[in-house]
């Protein structure tokens, strides 16, 4: 009985090891906005200095 359980566990482990790489995906992160720049813009709002990050595209 122990041999059957051990054999089934090994078979399950071997099957899952073969299936996992085939389901993996390659994730590619691209920054497709080469003409855009993040710029700090400082202005006053209600007598307080406000600094904001603004995306400026050319």
PDB file of N, CA and C in Angstrom:
ATOM      1  N   UNK A   1       0.820  -1.190   0.000  1.00  0.00           N
ATOM      2  CA  UNK A   1       0.000   0.000   0.000  1.00  0.00           C
ATOM      3  C   UNK A   1       0.868   1.259   0.000  1.00  0.00           C
ATOM      4  N   UNK A   2       1.964   1.230   0.793  1.00  0.00           N
ATOM      5  CA  UNK A   2       2.847   2.387   0.845  1.00  0.00           C
ATOM      6  C   UNK A   2       3.489   2.649  -0.512  1.00  0.00           C
ATOM      7  N   UNK A   3       3.822   1.593  -1.234  1.00  0.00           N
ATOM      8  CA  UNK A   3       4.460   1.757  -2.540  1.00  0.00           C
ATOM      9  C   UNK A   3       3.507   2.409  -3.535  1.00  0.00           C
ATOM     10  N   UNK A   4       2.223   2.065  -3.456  1.00  0.00           N
ATOM     11  CA  UNK A   4       1.236   2.652  -4.377  1.00  0.00           C
ATOM     12  C   UNK A   4       1.074   4.142  -4.090  1.00  0.00           C
ATOM     13  N   UNK A   5       0.985   4.497  -2.812  1.00  0.00           N
ATOM     14  CA  UNK A   5       0.848   5.908  -2.435  1.00  0.00           C
ATOM     15  C   UNK A   5       2.094   6.678  -2.840  1.00  0.00           C
ATOM     16  N   UNK A   6       3.264   6.120  -2.577  1.00  0.00           N
ATOM     17  CA  UNK A   6       4.515   6.778  -2.939  1.00  0.00           C
ATOM     18  C   UNK A   6       4.626   6.943  -4.447  1.00  0.00           C
ATOM     19  N   UNK A   7       4.241   5.930  -5.192  1.00  0.00           N
ATOM     20  CA  UNK A   7       4.296   6.009  -6.653  1.00  0.00           C
ATOM     21  C   UNK A   7       3.327   7.061  -7.183  1.00  0.00           C
ATOM     22  N   UNK A   8       2.146   7.165  -6.583  1.00  0.00           N
ATOM     23  CA  UNK A   8       1.181   8.168  -7.052  1.00  0.00           C
ATOM     24  C   UNK A   8       1.642   9.582  -6.714  1.00  0.00           C
ATOM     25  N   UNK A   9       2.267   9.755  -5.551  1.00  0.00           N
ATOM     26  CA  UNK A   9       2.795  11.076  -5.180  1.00  0.00           C
ATOM     27  C   UNK A   9       3.923  11.476  -6.123  1.00  0.00           C
ATOM     28  N   UNK A  10       4.811  10.555  -6.438  1.00  0.00           N
ATOM     29  CA  UNK A  10       5.904  10.859  -7.363  1.00  0.00           C
ATOM     30  C   UNK A  10       5.383  11.160  -8.763  1.00  0.00           C
ATOM     31  N   UNK A  11       4.372  10.435  -9.192  1.00  0.00           N
ATOM     32  CA  UNK A  11       3.795  10.687 -10.511  1.00  0.00           C
ATOM     33  C   UNK A  11       3.132  12.055 -10.561  1.00  0.00           C
ATOM     34  N   UNK A  12       2.444  12.429  -9.492  1.00  0.00           N
ATOM     35  CA  UNK A  12       1.800  13.740  -9.431  1.00  0.00           C
ATOM     36  C   UNK A  12       2.836  14.858  -9.428  1.00  0.00           C
ATOM     37  N   UNK A  13       3.922  14.664  -8.690  1.00  0.00           N
ATOM     38  CA  UNK A  13       4.987  15.666  -8.642  1.00  0.00           C
ATOM     39  C   UNK A  13       5.655  15.818 -10.006  1.00  0.00           C
ATOM     40  N   UNK A  14       5.877  14.718 -10.690  1.00  0.00           N
ATOM     41  CA  UNK A  14       6.506  14.778 -12.011  1.00  0.00           C
ATOM     42  C   UNK A  14       5.582  15.450 -13.025  1.00  0.00           C
ATOM     43  N   UNK A  15       4.290  15.176 -12.925  1.00  0.00           N
ATOM     44  CA  UNK A  15       3.338  15.781 -13.862  1.00  0.00           C
ATOM     45  C   UNK A  15       3.221  17.280 -13.626  1.00  0.00           C
ATOM     46  N   UNK A  16       3.183  17.703 -12.364  1.00  0.00           N
ATOM     47  CA  UNK A  16       3.060  19.136 -12.081  1.00  0.00           C
ATOM     48  C   UNK A  16       4.337  19.882 -12.456  1.00  0.00           C
ATOM     49  N   UNK A  17       5.492  19.230 -12.344  1.00  0.00           N
ATOM     50  CA  UNK A  17       6.746  19.871 -12.735  1.00  0.00           C
ATOM     51  C   UNK A  17       6.806  20.078 -14.244  1.00  0.00           C
ATOM     52  N   UNK A  18       6.155  19.227 -15.004  1.00  0.00           N
ATOM     53  CA  UNK A  18       6.145  19.376 -16.456  1.00  0.00           C
ATOM     54  C   UNK A  18       5.113  20.370 -16.944  1.00  0.00           C
ATOM     55  N   UNK A  19       4.030  20.558 -16.181  1.00  0.00           N
ATOM     56  CA  UNK A  19       2.943  21.442 -16.605  1.00  0.00           C
ATOM     57  C   UNK A  19       3.236  22.896 -16.258  1.00  0.00           C
ATOM     58  N   UNK A  20       3.869  23.165 -15.135  1.00  0.00           N
ATOM     59  CA  UNK A  20       4.077  24.531 -14.661  1.00  0.00           C
ATOM     60  C   UNK A  20       4.853  25.406 -15.649  1.00  0.00           C
ATOM     61  N   UNK A  21       5.975  24.964 -16.240  1.00  0.00           N
ATOM     62  CA  UNK A  21       6.681  25.842 -17.172  1.00  0.00           C
ATOM     63  C   UNK A  21       5.892  26.138 -18.445  1.00  0.00           C
ATOM     64  N   UNK A  22       5.020  25.242 -18.846  1.00  0.00           N
ATOM     65  CA  UNK A  22       4.267  25.493 -20.070  1.00  0.00           C
ATOM     66  C   UNK A  22       3.183  26.535 -19.864  1.00  0.00           C
ATOM     67  N   UNK A  23       2.762  26.763 -18.613  1.00  0.00           N
ATOM     68  CA  UNK A  23       1.732  27.756 -18.339  1.00  0.00           C
ATOM     69  C   UNK A  23       2.319  29.112 -17.981  1.00  0.00           C
ATOM     70  N   UNK A  24       3.623  29.202 -17.838  1.00  0.00           N
ATOM     71  CA  UNK A  24       4.252  30.462 -17.463  1.00  0.00           C
ATOM     72  C   UNK A  24       4.221  31.425 -18.642  1.00  0.00           C
ATOM     73  N   UNK A  25       4.068  32.714 -18.329  1.00  0.00           N
ATOM     74  CA  UNK A  25       4.054  33.741 -19.367  1.00  0.00           C
ATOM     75  C   UNK A  25       5.240  34.673 -19.165  1.00  0.00           C
ATOM     76  N   UNK A  26       5.689  35.237 -20.251  1.00  0.00           N
ATOM     77  CA  UNK A  26       6.746  36.220 -20.188  1.00  0.00           C
ATOM     78  C   UNK A  26       6.114  37.596 -20.083  1.00  0.00           C
ATOM     79  N   UNK A  27       6.502  38.341 -19.066  1.00  0.00           N
ATOM     80  CA  UNK A  27       5.959  39.677 -18.856  1.00  0.00           C
ATOM     81  C   UNK A  27       7.007  40.675 -19.313  1.00  0.00           C
ATOM     82  N   UNK A  28       6.625  41.513 -20.263  1.00  0.00           N
ATOM     83  CA  UNK A  28       7.527  42.530 -20.793  1.00  0.00           C
ATOM     84  C   UNK A  28       6.923  43.892 -20.473  1.00  0.00           C
ATOM     85  N   UNK A  29       7.675  44.701 -19.760  1.00  0.00           N
ATOM     86  CA  UNK A  29       7.210  46.039 -19.412  1.00  0.00           C
ATOM     87  C   UNK A  29       7.929  47.015 -20.320  1.00  0.00           C
ATOM     88  N   UNK A  30       7.158  47.793 -21.057  1.00  0.00           N
ATOM     89  CA  UNK A  30       7.742  48.769 -21.967  1.00  0.00           C
ATOM     90  C   UNK A  30       7.268  50.165 -21.581  1.00  0.00           C
ATOM     91  N   UNK A  31       8.150  51.107 -21.714  1.00  0.00           N
ATOM     92  CA  UNK A  31       7.790  52.507 -21.537  1.00  0.00           C
ATOM     93  C   UNK A  31       7.671  53.085 -22.937  1.00  0.00           C
ATOM     94  N   UNK A  32       6.490  53.052 -23.494  1.00  0.00           N
ATOM     95  CA  UNK A  32       6.282  53.459 -24.870  1.00  0.00           C
ATOM     96  C   UNK A  32       6.159  54.952 -25.072  1.00  0.00           C
ATOM     97  N   UNK A  33       6.397  55.736 -24.027  1.00  0.00           N
ATOM     98  CA  UNK A  33       6.248  57.185 -24.149  1.00  0.00           C
ATOM     99  C   UNK A  33       7.632  57.840 -24.079  1.00  0.00           C
ATOM    100  N   UNK A  34       8.415  57.632 -25.092  1.00  0.00           N
ATOM    101  CA  UNK A  34       9.765  58.178 -25.096  1.00  0.00           C
ATOM    102  C   UNK A  34       9.764  59.690 -25.282  1.00  0.00           C
ATOM    103  N   UNK A  35       8.669  60.234 -25.768  1.00  0.00           N
ATOM    104  CA  UNK A  35       8.602  61.664 -25.997  1.00  0.00           C
ATOM    105  C   UNK A  35       7.973  62.396 -24.818  1.00  0.00           C
ATOM    106  N   UNK A  36       7.669  61.695 -23.726  1.00  0.00           N
ATOM    107  CA  UNK A  36       7.066  62.318 -22.552  1.00  0.00           C
ATOM    108  C   UNK A  36       8.078  62.373 -21.405  1.00  0.00           C
ATOM    109  N   UNK A  37       7.991  63.459 -20.630  1.00  0.00           N
ATOM    110  CA  UNK A  37       8.898  63.685 -19.517  1.00  0.00           C
ATOM    111  C   UNK A  37       8.067  64.106 -18.311  1.00  0.00           C
ATOM    112  N   UNK A  38       8.431  63.651 -17.124  1.00  0.00           N
ATOM    113  CA  UNK A  38       7.780  64.103 -15.900  1.00  0.00           C
ATOM    114  C   UNK A  38       8.506  65.341 -15.404  1.00  0.00           C
ATOM    115  N   UNK A  39       7.730  66.410 -15.192  1.00  0.00           N
ATOM    116  CA  UNK A  39       8.307  67.690 -14.822  1.00  0.00           C
ATOM    117  C   UNK A  39       7.655  68.178 -13.537  1.00  0.00           C
ATOM    118  N   UNK A  40       8.433  68.797 -12.665  1.00  0.00           N
ATOM    119  CA  UNK A  40       7.888  69.380 -11.445  1.00  0.00           C
ATOM    120  C   UNK A  40       7.419  70.798 -11.738  1.00  0.00           C
ATOM    121  N   UNK A  41       6.169  71.075 -11.439  1.00  0.00           N
ATOM    122  CA  UNK A  41       5.595  72.400 -11.656  1.00  0.00           C
ATOM    123  C   UNK A  41       5.230  72.972 -10.295  1.00  0.00           C
ATOM    124  N   UNK A  42       5.743  74.152  -9.996  1.00  0.00           N
ATOM    125  CA  UNK A  42       5.475  74.813  -8.724  1.00  0.00           C
ATOM    126  C   UNK A  42       4.554  75.999  -8.967  1.00  0.00           C
ATOM    127  N   UNK A  43       3.488  76.083  -8.184  1.00  0.00           N
ATOM    128  CA  UNK A  43       2.587  77.233  -8.269  1.00  0.00           C
ATOM    129  C   UNK A  43       1.955  77.459  -6.902  1.00  0.00           C
ATOM    130  N   UNK A  44       1.221  78.542  -6.790  1.00  0.00           N
ATOM    131  CA  UNK A  44       0.601  78.909  -5.522  1.00  0.00           C
ATOM    132  C   UNK A  44      -0.891  78.633  -5.584  1.00  0.00           C
ATOM    133  N   UNK A  45      -1.418  78.042  -4.518  1.00  0.00           N
ATOM    134  CA  UNK A  45      -2.849  77.777  -4.428  1.00  0.00           C
ATOM    135  C   UNK A  45      -3.306  78.146  -3.010  1.00  0.00           C
ATOM    136  N   UNK A  46      -4.179  79.122  -2.915  1.00  0.00           N
ATOM    137  CA  UNK A  46      -4.715  79.578  -1.623  1.00  0.00           C
ATOM    138  C   UNK A  46      -3.588  79.925  -0.651  1.00  0.00           C
ATOM    139  N   UNK A  47      -2.640  80.698  -1.138  1.00  0.00           N
ATOM    140  CA  UNK A  47      -1.502  81.182  -0.357  1.00  0.00           C
ATOM    141  C   UNK A  47      -0.586  80.057   0.131  1.00  0.00           C
ATOM    142  N   UNK A  48      -0.600  78.929  -0.538  1.00  0.00           N
ATOM    143  CA  UNK A  48       0.293  77.824  -0.224  1.00  0.00           C
ATOM    144  C   UNK A  48       1.038  77.412  -1.491  1.00  0.00           C
ATOM    145  N   UNK A  49       2.304  77.119  -1.314  1.00  0.00           N
ATOM    146  CA  UNK A  49       3.115  76.674  -2.437  1.00  0.00           C
ATOM    147  C   UNK A  49       2.815  75.203  -2.714  1.00  0.00           C
ATOM    148  N   UNK A  50       2.453  74.887  -3.962  1.00  0.00           N
ATOM    149  CA  UNK A  50       2.091  73.532  -4.354  1.00  0.00           C
ATOM    150  C   UNK A  50       3.068  73.065  -5.424  1.00  0.00           C
ATOM    151  N   UNK A  51       3.638  71.871  -5.226  1.00  0.00           N
ATOM    152  CA  UNK A  51       4.548  71.279  -6.204  1.00  0.00           C
ATOM    153  C   UNK A  51       3.870  70.035  -6.750  1.00  0.00           C
ATOM    154  N   UNK A  52       3.669  69.986  -8.062  1.00  0.00           N
ATOM    155  CA  UNK A  52       2.988  68.862  -8.700  1.00  0.00           C
ATOM    156  C   UNK A  52       3.894  68.237  -9.748  1.00  0.00           C
ATOM    157  N   UNK A  53       3.745  66.925  -9.916  1.00  0.00           N
ATOM    158  CA  UNK A  53       4.425  66.226 -11.001  1.00  0.00           C
ATOM    159  C   UNK A  53       3.479  66.182 -12.187  1.00  0.00           C
ATOM    160  N   UNK A  54       3.927  66.719 -13.309  1.00  0.00           N
ATOM    161  CA  UNK A  54       3.100  66.805 -14.504  1.00  0.00           C
ATOM    162  C   UNK A  54       3.831  66.114 -15.643  1.00  0.00           C
ATOM    163  N   UNK A  55       3.103  65.344 -16.437  1.00  0.00           N
ATOM    164  CA  UNK A  55       3.685  64.700 -17.613  1.00  0.00           C
ATOM    165  C   UNK A  55       3.604  65.671 -18.787  1.00  0.00           C
ATOM    166  N   UNK A  56       4.748  65.985 -19.336  1.00  0.00           N
ATOM    167  CA  UNK A  56       4.835  66.898 -20.474  1.00  0.00           C
ATOM    168  C   UNK A  56       5.266  66.083 -21.678  1.00  0.00           C
ATOM    169  N   UNK A  57       4.434  66.067 -22.715  1.00  0.00           N
ATOM    170  CA  UNK A  57       4.741  65.308 -23.930  1.00  0.00           C
ATOM    171  C   UNK A  57       5.058  66.270 -25.063  1.00  0.00           C
ATOM    172  N   UNK A  58       6.064  65.911 -25.841  1.00  0.00           N
ATOM    173  CA  UNK A  58       6.449  66.748 -26.974  1.00  0.00           C
ATOM    174  C   UNK A  58       5.924  66.157 -28.242  1.00  0.00           C
TER     175      UNK A  58
END
